[in-house]
Amino acid sequence: MRIVIAEDDPLLREGLALLLRAEGLDVVATAGTPDALLEAVDAHRPDVAIVDVRMPPTHTDEGIRAAVEARRRRPDLAVLVLSAYVEQAFATELLADGSARLGYLLKERVGRVEEFLEALDRVADGGTAIDPEVVAQLFARTRPDAHLDRLSPRERDVLALMAEGLGNAAIAERLVVTDGAVHKHIRSIFAKLDLAPADRTDRRVAAVLRYLNDAHRRA
């Protein structure tokens, strides 16, 4: 796995690089600005870019914009975005064009090394990794939605874990239920959210986007 790190805080940037190299991963470049990130992506053709949301010069959304541009240049690039806070507009923007090879984690998650590395592997393998705290806060803001009100508490639990990027087996293990029970809950979620089997979109992604987008509208 070839990795580029874009983070304007030198201590965190170098700390991340040291952590990943200690795990045997190949950090091919580090960057402190969005422009430097794009140059590194062009020069090194990494598999994954780890990108801070807030970067110079305004420290607002430069990291997200750079990540979007990096994906435009290299559509197969996996992107794991780090943020100090839950910023739901950025979460929905990241997922707007599909969730493959995308992750959104709070920076505090980096200190939980096992969870951080698991999320990095999931994104690199083509999956999704959304921080549980992001999911929890967005869920809390979307419960008034009529469609989401149709879901049972257990179905909300399953959808939250789907949003984190977990597959059926991992969801079953987390909730201590059978794979069959998870499959049944997911079928029910699709039905209650009016996501038909004939839909051309990925229904798992559509289910997650349904409440992420609703949260963004209500903010």
C-alpha atoms as a PDB file:
ATOM      1  CA  MET A   1       0.000   0.000   0.000  1.00  0.00           C
ATOM      2  CA  ARG A   2       1.532   3.300  -1.141  1.00  0.00           C
ATOM      3  CA  ILE A   3       0.348   6.255   0.943  1.00  0.00           C
ATOM      4  CA  VAL A   4       0.511  10.054   0.727  1.00  0.00           C
ATOM      5  CA  ILE A   5      -0.263  12.103   3.857  1.00  0.00           C
ATOM      6  CA  ALA A   6      -1.584  15.680   3.612  1.00  0.00           C
ATOM      7  CA  GLU A   7      -1.667  17.407   7.002  1.00  0.00           C
ATOM      8  CA  ASP A   8      -0.538  20.960   7.814  1.00  0.00           C
ATOM      9  CA  ASP A   9       0.374  20.167  11.436  1.00  0.00           C
ATOM     10  CA  PRO A  10       4.003  18.930  11.201  1.00  0.00           C
ATOM     11  CA  LEU A  11       3.804  16.889  14.409  1.00  0.00           C
ATOM     12  CA  LEU A  12       0.688  14.999  13.358  1.00  0.00           C
ATOM     13  CA  ARG A  13       1.970  14.616   9.809  1.00  0.00           C
ATOM     14  CA  GLU A  14       5.254  13.070  10.885  1.00  0.00           C
ATOM     15  CA  GLY A  15       3.588  11.077  13.662  1.00  0.00           C
ATOM     16  CA  LEU A  16       1.242   9.486  11.142  1.00  0.00           C
ATOM     17  CA  ALA A  17       4.121   8.719   8.817  1.00  0.00           C
ATOM     18  CA  LEU A  18       6.094   7.059  11.615  1.00  0.00           C
ATOM     19  CA  LEU A  19       3.070   5.040  12.736  1.00  0.00           C
ATOM     20  CA  LEU A  20       2.333   3.737   9.246  1.00  0.00           C
ATOM     21  CA  ARG A  21       5.957   2.967   8.441  1.00  0.00           C
ATOM     22  CA  ALA A  22       6.232   1.044  11.707  1.00  0.00           C
ATOM     23  CA  GLU A  23       3.339  -1.083  10.442  1.00  0.00           C
ATOM     24  CA  GLY A  24       5.293  -1.859   7.281  1.00  0.00           C
ATOM     25  CA  LEU A  25       3.328   0.499   5.034  1.00  0.00           C
ATOM     26  CA  ASP A  26       4.984   2.592   2.329  1.00  0.00           C
ATOM     27  CA  VAL A  27       4.521   6.320   2.971  1.00  0.00           C
ATOM     28  CA  VAL A  28       5.823   7.697  -0.304  1.00  0.00           C
ATOM     29  CA  ALA A  29       5.308  11.401   0.468  1.00  0.00           C
ATOM     30  CA  THR A  30       3.970  13.877   3.012  1.00  0.00           C
ATOM     31  CA  ALA A  31       2.470  17.286   2.226  1.00  0.00           C
ATOM     32  CA  GLY A  32       1.592  20.386   4.212  1.00  0.00           C
ATOM     33  CA  THR A  33      -0.553  22.159   1.595  1.00  0.00           C
ATOM     34  CA  PRO A  34      -3.243  21.160  -0.923  1.00  0.00           C
ATOM     35  CA  ASP A  35      -0.957  21.976  -3.860  1.00  0.00           C
ATOM     36  CA  ALA A  36       1.790  19.792  -2.409  1.00  0.00           C
ATOM     37  CA  LEU A  37      -0.727  16.956  -2.036  1.00  0.00           C
ATOM     38  CA  LEU A  38      -1.713  17.139  -5.704  1.00  0.00           C
ATOM     39  CA  GLU A  39       1.926  17.265  -6.762  1.00  0.00           C
ATOM     40  CA  ALA A  40       2.630  14.172  -4.647  1.00  0.00           C
ATOM     41  CA  VAL A  41      -0.357  12.322  -6.132  1.00  0.00           C
ATOM     42  CA  ASP A  42       0.833  13.119  -9.665  1.00  0.00           C
ATOM     43  CA  ALA A  43       4.447  12.205  -8.917  1.00  0.00           C
ATOM     44  CA  HIS A  44       4.033   9.060  -6.785  1.00  0.00           C
ATOM     45  CA  ARG A  45       0.677   7.605  -7.904  1.00  0.00           C
ATOM     46  CA  PRO A  46      -0.239   6.382  -4.399  1.00  0.00           C
ATOM     47  CA  ASP A  47      -2.959   3.882  -3.537  1.00  0.00           C
ATOM     48  CA  VAL A  48      -4.270   5.971  -0.631  1.00  0.00           C
ATOM     49  CA  ALA A  49      -4.246   9.654   0.327  1.00  0.00           C
ATOM     50  CA  ILE A  50      -4.807  10.558   3.986  1.00  0.00           C
ATOM     51  CA  VAL A  51      -6.054  14.153   3.953  1.00  0.00           C
ATOM     52  CA  ASP A  52      -6.850  16.732   6.633  1.00  0.00           C
ATOM     53  CA  VAL A  53     -10.126  18.612   6.003  1.00  0.00           C
ATOM     54  CA  ARG A  54      -8.809  22.023   7.076  1.00  0.00           C
ATOM     55  CA  MET A  55      -5.637  23.107   5.329  1.00  0.00           C
ATOM     56  CA  PRO A  56      -3.976  26.399   4.287  1.00  0.00           C
ATOM     57  CA  PRO A  57      -4.587  29.085   3.325  1.00  0.00           C
ATOM     58  CA  THR A  58      -8.048  29.550   4.907  1.00  0.00           C
ATOM     59  CA  HIS A  59      -8.256  26.317   6.924  1.00  0.00           C
ATOM     60  CA  THR A  60     -11.852  25.684   5.850  1.00  0.00           C
ATOM     61  CA  ASP A  61     -12.418  23.094   3.123  1.00  0.00           C
ATOM     62  CA  GLU A  62      -9.147  23.119   1.178  1.00  0.00           C
ATOM     63  CA  GLY A  63      -8.430  19.515   2.120  1.00  0.00           C
ATOM     64  CA  ILE A  64     -11.773  18.307   0.784  1.00  0.00           C
ATOM     65  CA  ARG A  65     -11.345  20.280  -2.428  1.00  0.00           C
ATOM     66  CA  ALA A  66      -7.868  18.834  -2.912  1.00  0.00           C
ATOM     67  CA  ALA A  67      -9.167  15.318  -2.244  1.00  0.00           C
ATOM     68  CA  VAL A  68     -11.918  15.764  -4.842  1.00  0.00           C
ATOM     69  CA  GLU A  69      -9.366  17.037  -7.381  1.00  0.00           C
ATOM     70  CA  ALA A  70      -6.982  14.175  -6.565  1.00  0.00           C
ATOM     71  CA  ARG A  71      -9.796  11.685  -7.229  1.00  0.00           C
ATOM     72  CA  ARG A  72     -10.590  13.463 -10.494  1.00  0.00           C
ATOM     73  CA  ARG A  73      -6.994  12.965 -11.594  1.00  0.00           C
ATOM     74  CA  ARG A  74      -6.813   9.398 -10.261  1.00  0.00           C
ATOM     75  CA  PRO A  75     -10.302   7.861  -9.996  1.00  0.00           C
ATOM     76  CA  ASP A  76      -8.907   4.712  -8.366  1.00  0.00           C
ATOM     77  CA  LEU A  77      -7.288   6.686  -5.531  1.00  0.00           C
ATOM     78  CA  ALA A  78      -8.588   5.777  -2.067  1.00  0.00           C
ATOM     79  CA  VAL A  79      -9.075   8.801   0.197  1.00  0.00           C
ATOM     80  CA  LEU A  80      -9.230   8.776   3.990  1.00  0.00           C
ATOM     81  CA  VAL A  81     -10.191  12.216   5.309  1.00  0.00           C
ATOM     82  CA  LEU A  82      -9.345  13.280   8.860  1.00  0.00           C
ATOM     83  CA  SER A  83     -11.220  15.994  10.760  1.00  0.00           C
ATOM     84  CA  ALA A  84     -11.021  17.363  14.289  1.00  0.00           C
ATOM     85  CA  TYR A  85     -14.820  17.740  14.476  1.00  0.00           C
ATOM     86  CA  VAL A  86     -17.973  16.255  12.979  1.00  0.00           C
ATOM     87  CA  GLU A  87     -18.549  18.356   9.867  1.00  0.00           C
ATOM     88  CA  GLN A  88     -21.573  16.791   8.230  1.00  0.00           C
ATOM     89  CA  ALA A  89     -21.477  18.904   5.068  1.00  0.00           C
ATOM     90  CA  PHE A  90     -18.060  17.424   4.300  1.00  0.00           C
ATOM     91  CA  ALA A  91     -19.296  13.892   5.031  1.00  0.00           C
ATOM     92  CA  THR A  92     -22.151  14.210   2.561  1.00  0.00           C
ATOM     93  CA  GLU A  93     -19.951  15.921  -0.043  1.00  0.00           C
ATOM     94  CA  LEU A  94     -17.485  13.050   0.104  1.00  0.00           C
ATOM     95  CA  LEU A  95     -20.226  10.481  -0.495  1.00  0.00           C
ATOM     96  CA  ALA A  96     -22.091  12.474  -3.137  1.00  0.00           C
ATOM     97  CA  ASP A  97     -20.504  10.647  -6.086  1.00  0.00           C
ATOM     98  CA  GLY A  98     -20.410   7.208  -4.449  1.00  0.00           C
ATOM     99  CA  SER A  99     -18.749   5.739  -1.406  1.00  0.00           C
ATOM    100  CA  ALA A 100     -16.168   3.351  -2.867  1.00  0.00           C
ATOM    101  CA  ARG A 101     -12.648   3.814  -1.505  1.00  0.00           C
ATOM    102  CA  LEU A 102     -13.642   6.693   0.784  1.00  0.00           C
ATOM    103  CA  GLY A 103     -13.327   7.243   4.518  1.00  0.00           C
ATOM    104  CA  TYR A 104     -14.094  10.006   6.999  1.00  0.00           C
ATOM    105  CA  LEU A 105     -12.589   9.741  10.490  1.00  0.00           C
ATOM    106  CA  LEU A 106     -12.210  12.030  13.456  1.00  0.00           C
ATOM    107  CA  LYS A 107      -8.568  12.668  14.291  1.00  0.00           C
ATOM    108  CA  GLU A 108      -8.998  11.184  17.750  1.00  0.00           C
ATOM    109  CA  ARG A 109      -9.522   7.834  16.014  1.00  0.00           C
ATOM    110  CA  VAL A 110      -5.857   7.866  14.930  1.00  0.00           C
ATOM    111  CA  GLY A 111      -4.855   7.296  18.560  1.00  0.00           C
ATOM    112  CA  ARG A 112      -6.822   4.048  18.522  1.00  0.00           C
ATOM    113  CA  VAL A 113      -4.271   2.456  16.263  1.00  0.00           C
ATOM    114  CA  GLU A 114      -6.080  -0.822  15.595  1.00  0.00           C
ATOM    115  CA  GLU A 115      -9.313   0.939  14.567  1.00  0.00           C
ATOM    116  CA  PHE A 116      -7.429   3.449  12.442  1.00  0.00           C
ATOM    117  CA  LEU A 117      -5.490   0.769  10.576  1.00  0.00           C
ATOM    118  CA  GLU A 118      -8.650  -1.285  10.093  1.00  0.00           C
ATOM    119  CA  ALA A 119     -10.379   1.745   8.532  1.00  0.00           C
ATOM    120  CA  LEU A 120      -7.349   2.419   6.311  1.00  0.00           C
ATOM    121  CA  ASP A 121      -7.327  -1.186   5.076  1.00  0.00           C
ATOM    122  CA  ARG A 122     -11.068  -1.097   4.415  1.00  0.00           C
ATOM    123  CA  VAL A 123     -10.805   2.054   2.312  1.00  0.00           C
ATOM    124  CA  ALA A 124      -7.765   0.768   0.425  1.00  0.00           C
ATOM    125  CA  ASP A 125      -9.672  -2.444  -0.377  1.00  0.00           C
ATOM    126  CA  GLY A 126     -12.485  -0.472  -2.006  1.00  0.00           C
ATOM    127  CA  GLY A 127     -14.815  -0.053   0.954  1.00  0.00           C
ATOM    128  CA  THR A 128     -16.108   2.782   3.098  1.00  0.00           C
ATOM    129  CA  ALA A 129     -15.112   3.858   6.610  1.00  0.00           C
ATOM    130  CA  ILE A 130     -17.230   6.510   8.346  1.00  0.00           C
ATOM    131  CA  ASP A 131     -16.385   7.394  11.939  1.00  0.00           C
ATOM    132  CA  PRO A 132     -18.979   5.983  14.386  1.00  0.00           C
ATOM    133  CA  GLU A 133     -19.252   9.407  16.073  1.00  0.00           C
ATOM    134  CA  VAL A 134     -20.111  11.017  12.739  1.00  0.00           C
ATOM    135  CA  VAL A 135     -22.770   8.382  12.164  1.00  0.00           C
ATOM    136  CA  ALA A 136     -24.177   8.793  15.680  1.00  0.00           C
ATOM    137  CA  GLN A 137     -24.482  12.577  15.418  1.00  0.00           C
ATOM    138  CA  LEU A 138     -26.042  12.459  11.976  1.00  0.00           C
ATOM    139  CA  PHE A 139     -28.501   9.796  13.067  1.00  0.00           C
ATOM    140  CA  ALA A 140     -29.547  11.914  16.049  1.00  0.00           C
ATOM    141  CA  ARG A 141     -30.320  14.814  13.706  1.00  0.00           C
ATOM    142  CA  THR A 142     -32.247  12.766  11.162  1.00  0.00           C
ATOM    143  CA  ARG A 143     -34.689  10.817  13.330  1.00  0.00           C
ATOM    144  CA  PRO A 144     -37.585  13.264  12.659  1.00  0.00           C
ATOM    145  CA  ASP A 145     -37.462  12.237   8.970  1.00  0.00           C
ATOM    146  CA  ALA A 146     -40.580  10.257   8.046  1.00  0.00           C
ATOM    147  CA  HIS A 147     -38.700   7.509   6.236  1.00  0.00           C
ATOM    148  CA  LEU A 148     -36.253   6.978   9.067  1.00  0.00           C
ATOM    149  CA  ASP A 149     -39.108   6.913  11.570  1.00  0.00           C
ATOM    150  CA  ARG A 150     -40.243   3.713   9.891  1.00  0.00           C
ATOM    151  CA  LEU A 151     -37.101   1.929  11.056  1.00  0.00           C
ATOM    152  CA  SER A 152     -37.047  -0.098  14.247  1.00  0.00           C
ATOM    153  CA  PRO A 153     -34.279   0.573  16.811  1.00  0.00           C
ATOM    154  CA  ARG A 154     -32.441  -2.568  15.647  1.00  0.00           C
ATOM    155  CA  GLU A 155     -32.730  -1.491  12.006  1.00  0.00           C
ATOM    156  CA  ARG A 156     -31.250   1.889  12.938  1.00  0.00           C
ATOM    157  CA  ASP A 157     -28.348   0.041  14.585  1.00  0.00           C
ATOM    158  CA  VAL A 158     -27.796  -1.984  11.419  1.00  0.00           C
ATOM    159  CA  LEU A 159     -27.965   1.098   9.165  1.00  0.00           C
ATOM    160  CA  ALA A 160     -25.488   2.927  11.417  1.00  0.00           C
ATOM    161  CA  LEU A 161     -22.997   0.072  11.067  1.00  0.00           C
ATOM    162  CA  MET A 162     -23.607  -0.030   7.314  1.00  0.00           C
ATOM    163  CA  ALA A 163     -22.700   3.668   7.262  1.00  0.00           C
ATOM    164  CA  GLU A 164     -19.416   2.894   9.005  1.00  0.00           C
ATOM    165  CA  GLY A 165     -18.664   0.578   6.082  1.00  0.00           C
ATOM    166  CA  LEU A 166     -19.109  -2.780   7.797  1.00  0.00           C
ATOM    167  CA  GLY A 167     -20.234  -5.814   5.816  1.00  0.00           C
ATOM    168  CA  ASN A 168     -22.979  -8.195   6.917  1.00  0.00           C
ATOM    169  CA  ALA A 169     -20.671 -10.584   8.768  1.00  0.00           C
ATOM    170  CA  ALA A 170     -19.017  -7.753  10.704  1.00  0.00           C
ATOM    171  CA  ILE A 171     -22.413  -6.262  11.572  1.00  0.00           C
ATOM    172  CA  ALA A 172     -23.605  -9.645  12.838  1.00  0.00           C
ATOM    173  CA  GLU A 173     -20.510  -9.966  15.013  1.00  0.00           C
ATOM    174  CA  ARG A 174     -20.878  -6.439  16.417  1.00  0.00           C
ATOM    175  CA  LEU A 175     -24.579  -6.918  17.254  1.00  0.00           C
ATOM    176  CA  VAL A 176     -24.153 -10.557  18.341  1.00  0.00           C
ATOM    177  CA  VAL A 177     -26.787 -11.852  15.916  1.00  0.00           C
ATOM    178  CA  THR A 178     -26.737 -14.248  12.965  1.00  0.00           C
ATOM    179  CA  ASP A 179     -25.848 -13.318   9.395  1.00  0.00           C
ATOM    180  CA  GLY A 180     -29.391 -14.275   8.455  1.00  0.00           C
ATOM    181  CA  ALA A 181     -30.834 -11.799  10.948  1.00  0.00           C
ATOM    182  CA  VAL A 182     -28.680  -9.008   9.530  1.00  0.00           C
ATOM    183  CA  HIS A 183     -29.759  -9.881   5.986  1.00  0.00           C
ATOM    184  CA  LYS A 184     -33.395  -9.752   7.086  1.00  0.00           C
ATOM    185  CA  HIS A 185     -32.929  -6.351   8.750  1.00  0.00           C
ATOM    186  CA  ILE A 186     -31.248  -4.944   5.645  1.00  0.00           C
ATOM    187  CA  ARG A 187     -34.071  -6.144   3.393  1.00  0.00           C
ATOM    188  CA  SER A 188     -36.509  -4.425   5.748  1.00  0.00           C
ATOM    189  CA  ILE A 189     -34.469  -1.198   5.709  1.00  0.00           C
ATOM    190  CA  PHE A 190     -34.494  -1.137   1.910  1.00  0.00           C
ATOM    191  CA  ALA A 191     -38.255  -1.703   1.868  1.00  0.00           C
ATOM    192  CA  LYS A 192     -38.988   1.013   4.443  1.00  0.00           C
ATOM    193  CA  LEU A 193     -36.770   3.497   2.622  1.00  0.00           C
ATOM    194  CA  ASP A 194     -38.462   2.667  -0.690  1.00  0.00           C
ATOM    195  CA  LEU A 195     -35.277   1.332  -2.264  1.00  0.00           C
ATOM    196  CA  ALA A 196     -36.402  -1.190  -4.838  1.00  0.00           C
ATOM    197  CA  PRO A 197     -34.218  -4.124  -6.019  1.00  0.00           C
ATOM    198  CA  ALA A 198     -34.470  -2.815  -9.573  1.00  0.00           C
ATOM    199  CA  ASP A 199     -32.808   0.485  -8.630  1.00  0.00           C
ATOM    200  CA  ARG A 200     -29.561   0.934 -10.589  1.00  0.00           C
ATOM    201  CA  THR A 201     -27.795   2.540  -7.620  1.00  0.00           C
ATOM    202  CA  ASP A 202     -26.103   0.589  -4.817  1.00  0.00           C
ATOM    203  CA  ARG A 203     -28.905   0.303  -2.268  1.00  0.00           C
ATOM    204  CA  ARG A 204     -26.512   0.188   0.693  1.00  0.00           C
ATOM    205  CA  VAL A 205     -24.971   3.487  -0.389  1.00  0.00           C
ATOM    206  CA  ALA A 206     -28.404   4.953  -1.146  1.00  0.00           C
ATOM    207  CA  ALA A 207     -29.672   4.037   2.338  1.00  0.00           C
ATOM    208  CA  VAL A 208     -26.713   5.745   3.999  1.00  0.00           C
ATOM    209  CA  LEU A 209     -26.955   8.805   1.761  1.00  0.00           C
ATOM    210  CA  ARG A 210     -30.656   9.129   2.541  1.00  0.00           C
ATOM    211  CA  TYR A 211     -30.061  10.166   6.124  1.00  0.00           C
ATOM    212  CA  LEU A 212     -26.704  11.907   5.550  1.00  0.00           C
ATOM    213  CA  ASN A 213     -28.282  14.200   2.988  1.00  0.00           C
ATOM    214  CA  ASP A 214     -31.305  14.794   5.188  1.00  0.00           C
ATOM    215  CA  ALA A 215     -29.012  15.774   8.049  1.00  0.00           C
ATOM    216  CA  HIS A 216     -27.223  18.232   5.792  1.00  0.00           C
ATOM    217  CA  ARG A 217     -30.522  19.856   4.749  1.00  0.00           C
ATOM    218  CA  ARG A 218     -31.637  20.231   8.354  1.00  0.00           C
ATOM    219  CA  ALA A 219     -28.350  21.736   9.597  1.00  0.00           C
END
